[in-house]
Amino acid sequence: QVQLVESGGALVKPGGSLRLSCAASGFTLDAHTIAWFRQAPGKEREGVSCISSMDGNTYYADSVKGRFAASRDNAKNTVFLQMNSLNPEETAIYYCATPMGRQPLAPCTYYSGGFYFGVLSSYDTWGQGTQVTVSS
């Protein structure tokens, strides 16, 4: 059974750090693109970071560049998201996701027109999410 399980969410003070984990089972994670999304209360789900299976590169949304770092541990079949200098606006449920099925346009890939993170439907396998709350 293909499954993603996030963990590591917590209450943290502004300026603090957290490391989220996304453990995969039922498939080999390093053969797949993995993305992190977040959804704040009342807002749409947005892409935060993705690690491409095509070239191994990692992409970050402008809002988190320089503060977040995504990485893989292939031995543990787990992806991590290190988040530093968190602010209250980043309170959200954080999800990891992967495209298991073939997509018309592979997400987390550079094309001639630029970088394509992908839309929500580009990722067909999702974890249940982990809550991150940034508050004093």
C-alpha atoms as a PDB file:
ATOM      1  CA  GLN A   1       0.000   0.000   0.000  1.00  0.00           C
ATOM      2  CA  VAL A   2       1.408   3.360  -1.057  1.00  0.00           C
ATOM      3  CA  GLN A   3       1.427   5.782   1.830  1.00  0.00           C
ATOM      4  CA  LEU A   4       2.978   9.067   2.963  1.00  0.00           C
ATOM      5  CA  VAL A   5       2.991   9.997   6.631  1.00  0.00           C
ATOM      6  CA  GLU A   6       4.027  13.439   7.830  1.00  0.00           C
ATOM      7  CA  SER A   7       5.230  14.201  11.337  1.00  0.00           C
ATOM      8  CA  GLY A   8       7.058  16.884  13.254  1.00  0.00           C
ATOM      9  CA  GLY A   9       4.428  19.580  13.363  1.00  0.00           C
ATOM     10  CA  ALA A  10       4.222  21.510  16.617  1.00  0.00           C
ATOM     11  CA  LEU A  11       3.653  24.854  18.278  1.00  0.00           C
ATOM     12  CA  VAL A  12       6.695  27.063  17.824  1.00  0.00           C
ATOM     13  CA  LYS A  13       7.404  30.687  18.654  1.00  0.00           C
ATOM     14  CA  PRO A  14       8.016  33.281  15.932  1.00  0.00           C
ATOM     15  CA  GLY A  15      11.583  33.039  14.740  1.00  0.00           C
ATOM     16  CA  GLY A  16      11.765  29.398  15.755  1.00  0.00           C
ATOM     17  CA  SER A  17      12.570  26.275  13.774  1.00  0.00           C
ATOM     18  CA  LEU A  18      10.961  22.937  13.061  1.00  0.00           C
ATOM     19  CA  ARG A  19      11.878  19.901  11.012  1.00  0.00           C
ATOM     20  CA  LEU A  20       9.062  18.036   9.341  1.00  0.00           C
ATOM     21  CA  SER A  21       9.353  14.460   8.160  1.00  0.00           C
ATOM     22  CA  CYS A  22       7.533  12.645   5.392  1.00  0.00           C
ATOM     23  CA  ALA A  23       7.941   8.878   5.565  1.00  0.00           C
ATOM     24  CA  ALA A  24       7.040   6.820   2.530  1.00  0.00           C
ATOM     25  CA  SER A  25       5.919   3.212   2.438  1.00  0.00           C
ATOM     26  CA  GLY A  26       4.924   0.945  -0.400  1.00  0.00           C
ATOM     27  CA  PHE A  27       7.291   2.608  -2.859  1.00  0.00           C
ATOM     28  CA  THR A  28      10.843   3.893  -3.149  1.00  0.00           C
ATOM     29  CA  LEU A  29      10.800   7.574  -2.463  1.00  0.00           C
ATOM     30  CA  ASP A  30      14.009   8.529  -4.289  1.00  0.00           C
ATOM     31  CA  ALA A  31      12.493   7.466  -7.592  1.00  0.00           C
ATOM     32  CA  HIS A  32       9.712  10.020  -7.235  1.00  0.00           C
ATOM     33  CA  THR A  33       9.331  13.754  -7.137  1.00  0.00           C
ATOM     34  CA  ILE A  34       8.266  14.839  -3.663  1.00  0.00           C
ATOM     35  CA  ALA A  35       6.613  18.137  -2.873  1.00  0.00           C
ATOM     36  CA  TRP A  36       5.710  19.977   0.295  1.00  0.00           C
ATOM     37  CA  PHE A  37       2.506  22.015   0.396  1.00  0.00           C
ATOM     38  CA  ARG A  38       0.837  23.988   3.128  1.00  0.00           C
ATOM     39  CA  GLN A  39      -2.671  25.214   3.729  1.00  0.00           C
ATOM     40  CA  ALA A  40      -3.344  28.037   6.126  1.00  0.00           C
ATOM     41  CA  PRO A  41      -6.809  28.555   7.611  1.00  0.00           C
ATOM     42  CA  GLY A  42      -9.141  30.043   5.014  1.00  0.00           C
ATOM     43  CA  LYS A  43      -6.509  29.951   2.280  1.00  0.00           C
ATOM     44  CA  GLU A  44      -5.750  27.776  -0.693  1.00  0.00           C
ATOM     45  CA  ARG A  45      -3.151  25.052  -0.511  1.00  0.00           C
ATOM     46  CA  GLU A  46       0.170  26.316  -1.814  1.00  0.00           C
ATOM     47  CA  GLY A  47       3.384  24.672  -2.910  1.00  0.00           C
ATOM     48  CA  VAL A  48       6.374  25.283  -0.665  1.00  0.00           C
ATOM     49  CA  SER A  49       9.142  23.077  -1.996  1.00  0.00           C
ATOM     50  CA  CYS A  50       9.737  20.113  -4.248  1.00  0.00           C
ATOM     51  CA  ILE A  51      12.587  17.734  -4.957  1.00  0.00           C
ATOM     52  CA  SER A  52      12.693  16.588  -8.540  1.00  0.00           C
ATOM     53  CA  SER A  53      13.206  12.946  -9.437  1.00  0.00           C
ATOM     54  CA  MET A  54      14.363  14.074 -12.878  1.00  0.00           C
ATOM     55  CA  ASP A  55      17.494  15.962 -11.892  1.00  0.00           C
ATOM     56  CA  GLY A  56      17.551  15.856  -8.098  1.00  0.00           C
ATOM     57  CA  ASN A  57      17.209  19.628  -7.844  1.00  0.00           C
ATOM     58  CA  THR A  58      15.145  21.260  -5.146  1.00  0.00           C
ATOM     59  CA  TYR A  59      12.806  24.177  -5.720  1.00  0.00           C
ATOM     60  CA  TYR A  60      11.513  26.629  -3.131  1.00  0.00           C
ATOM     61  CA  ALA A  61       8.700  29.134  -3.212  1.00  0.00           C
ATOM     62  CA  ASP A  62      10.003  32.700  -3.011  1.00  0.00           C
ATOM     63  CA  SER A  63       8.413  33.161   0.395  1.00  0.00           C
ATOM     64  CA  VAL A  64      10.573  30.448   1.980  1.00  0.00           C
ATOM     65  CA  LYS A  65      13.848  30.719   0.048  1.00  0.00           C
ATOM     66  CA  GLY A  66      16.808  30.974   2.344  1.00  0.00           C
ATOM     67  CA  ARG A  67      14.817  29.748   5.349  1.00  0.00           C
ATOM     68  CA  PHE A  68      13.520  26.316   4.377  1.00  0.00           C
ATOM     69  CA  ALA A  69      15.555  23.348   3.222  1.00  0.00           C
ATOM     70  CA  ALA A  70      14.213  20.075   1.838  1.00  0.00           C
ATOM     71  CA  SER A  71      16.267  16.907   1.862  1.00  0.00           C
ATOM     72  CA  ARG A  72      15.984  13.161   1.398  1.00  0.00           C
ATOM     73  CA  ASP A  73      17.279  10.253   3.440  1.00  0.00           C
ATOM     74  CA  ASN A  74      17.032   7.386   0.996  1.00  0.00           C
ATOM     75  CA  ALA A  75      18.043   4.814   3.591  1.00  0.00           C
ATOM     76  CA  LYS A  76      15.046   5.838   5.694  1.00  0.00           C
ATOM     77  CA  ASN A  77      12.796   6.406   2.676  1.00  0.00           C
ATOM     78  CA  THR A  78      11.996   9.762   4.208  1.00  0.00           C
ATOM     79  CA  VAL A  79      11.990  13.373   3.098  1.00  0.00           C
ATOM     80  CA  PHE A  80      12.535  16.259   5.481  1.00  0.00           C
ATOM     81  CA  LEU A  81      11.639  19.927   5.489  1.00  0.00           C
ATOM     82  CA  GLN A  82      13.802  22.056   7.768  1.00  0.00           C
ATOM     83  CA  MET A  83      12.002  25.319   8.493  1.00  0.00           C
ATOM     84  CA  ASN A  84      13.815  28.243  10.096  1.00  0.00           C
ATOM     85  CA  SER A  85      12.789  31.768  11.061  1.00  0.00           C
ATOM     86  CA  LEU A  86       9.137  30.848  11.078  1.00  0.00           C
ATOM     87  CA  ASN A  87       6.538  33.582  11.280  1.00  0.00           C
ATOM     88  CA  PRO A  88       2.878  33.454  12.389  1.00  0.00           C
ATOM     89  CA  GLU A  89       1.635  33.717   8.796  1.00  0.00           C
ATOM     90  CA  GLU A  90       3.155  30.286   8.221  1.00  0.00           C
ATOM     91  CA  THR A  91       0.742  28.618  10.578  1.00  0.00           C
ATOM     92  CA  ALA A  92      -0.776  25.902   8.436  1.00  0.00           C
ATOM     93  CA  ILE A  93      -1.193  22.219   7.870  1.00  0.00           C
ATOM     94  CA  TYR A  94       1.847  20.985   5.982  1.00  0.00           C
ATOM     95  CA  TYR A  95       1.502  18.119   3.510  1.00  0.00           C
ATOM     96  CA  CYS A  96       3.875  16.063   1.448  1.00  0.00           C
ATOM     97  CA  ALA A  97       2.749  14.683  -1.876  1.00  0.00           C
ATOM     98  CA  THR A  98       4.037  12.740  -4.837  1.00  0.00           C
ATOM     99  CA  PRO A  99       2.870  11.987  -8.369  1.00  0.00           C
ATOM    100  CA  MET A 100       2.605   8.207  -8.505  1.00  0.00           C
ATOM    101  CA  GLY A 101       0.754   8.090 -11.799  1.00  0.00           C
ATOM    102  CA  ARG A 102       1.914   9.415 -15.142  1.00  0.00           C
ATOM    103  CA  GLN A 103       1.139  13.118 -15.493  1.00  0.00           C
ATOM    104  CA  PRO A 104       0.527  15.065 -18.739  1.00  0.00           C
ATOM    105  CA  LEU A 105       3.209  17.466 -17.557  1.00  0.00           C
ATOM    106  CA  ALA A 106       5.696  16.243 -14.959  1.00  0.00           C
ATOM    107  CA  PRO A 107       5.670  18.587 -11.959  1.00  0.00           C
ATOM    108  CA  CYS A 108       8.759  20.089 -10.309  1.00  0.00           C
ATOM    109  CA  THR A 109      10.494  20.336 -13.654  1.00  0.00           C
ATOM    110  CA  TYR A 110      12.071  23.049 -15.765  1.00  0.00           C
ATOM    111  CA  TYR A 111      10.636  23.456 -19.224  1.00  0.00           C
ATOM    112  CA  SER A 112      11.502  25.938 -21.958  1.00  0.00           C
ATOM    113  CA  GLY A 113       8.889  28.315 -20.588  1.00  0.00           C
ATOM    114  CA  GLY A 114      10.193  28.166 -17.050  1.00  0.00           C
ATOM    115  CA  PHE A 115       9.765  26.128 -13.922  1.00  0.00           C
ATOM    116  CA  TYR A 116       6.570  24.146 -13.408  1.00  0.00           C
ATOM    117  CA  PHE A 117       5.804  23.263  -9.793  1.00  0.00           C
ATOM    118  CA  GLY A 118       2.575  21.592 -10.746  1.00  0.00           C
ATOM    119  CA  VAL A 119      -1.008  22.006  -9.645  1.00  0.00           C
ATOM    120  CA  LEU A 120      -2.673  20.050  -6.867  1.00  0.00           C
ATOM    121  CA  SER A 121      -3.911  17.435  -9.299  1.00  0.00           C
ATOM    122  CA  SER A 122      -0.349  16.863 -10.497  1.00  0.00           C
ATOM    123  CA  TYR A 123       0.240  15.084  -7.196  1.00  0.00           C
ATOM    124  CA  ASP A 124      -2.042  12.119  -6.706  1.00  0.00           C
ATOM    125  CA  THR A 125      -0.712  10.727  -3.442  1.00  0.00           C
ATOM    126  CA  TRP A 126      -0.870  12.828  -0.289  1.00  0.00           C
ATOM    127  CA  GLY A 127      -0.111  12.429   3.354  1.00  0.00           C
ATOM    128  CA  GLN A 128      -2.599  13.331   6.048  1.00  0.00           C
ATOM    129  CA  GLY A 129      -0.783  16.532   6.982  1.00  0.00           C
ATOM    130  CA  THR A 130       0.897  17.812  10.120  1.00  0.00           C
ATOM    131  CA  GLN A 131      -0.097  20.990  11.954  1.00  0.00           C
ATOM    132  CA  VAL A 132       2.449  23.756  12.357  1.00  0.00           C
ATOM    133  CA  THR A 133       1.431  26.637  14.599  1.00  0.00           C
ATOM    134  CA  VAL A 134       3.650  29.687  14.926  1.00  0.00           C
ATOM    135  CA  SER A 135       2.572  31.776  17.866  1.00  0.00           C
ATOM    136  CA  SER A 136       3.996  33.505  20.911  1.00  0.00           C
END
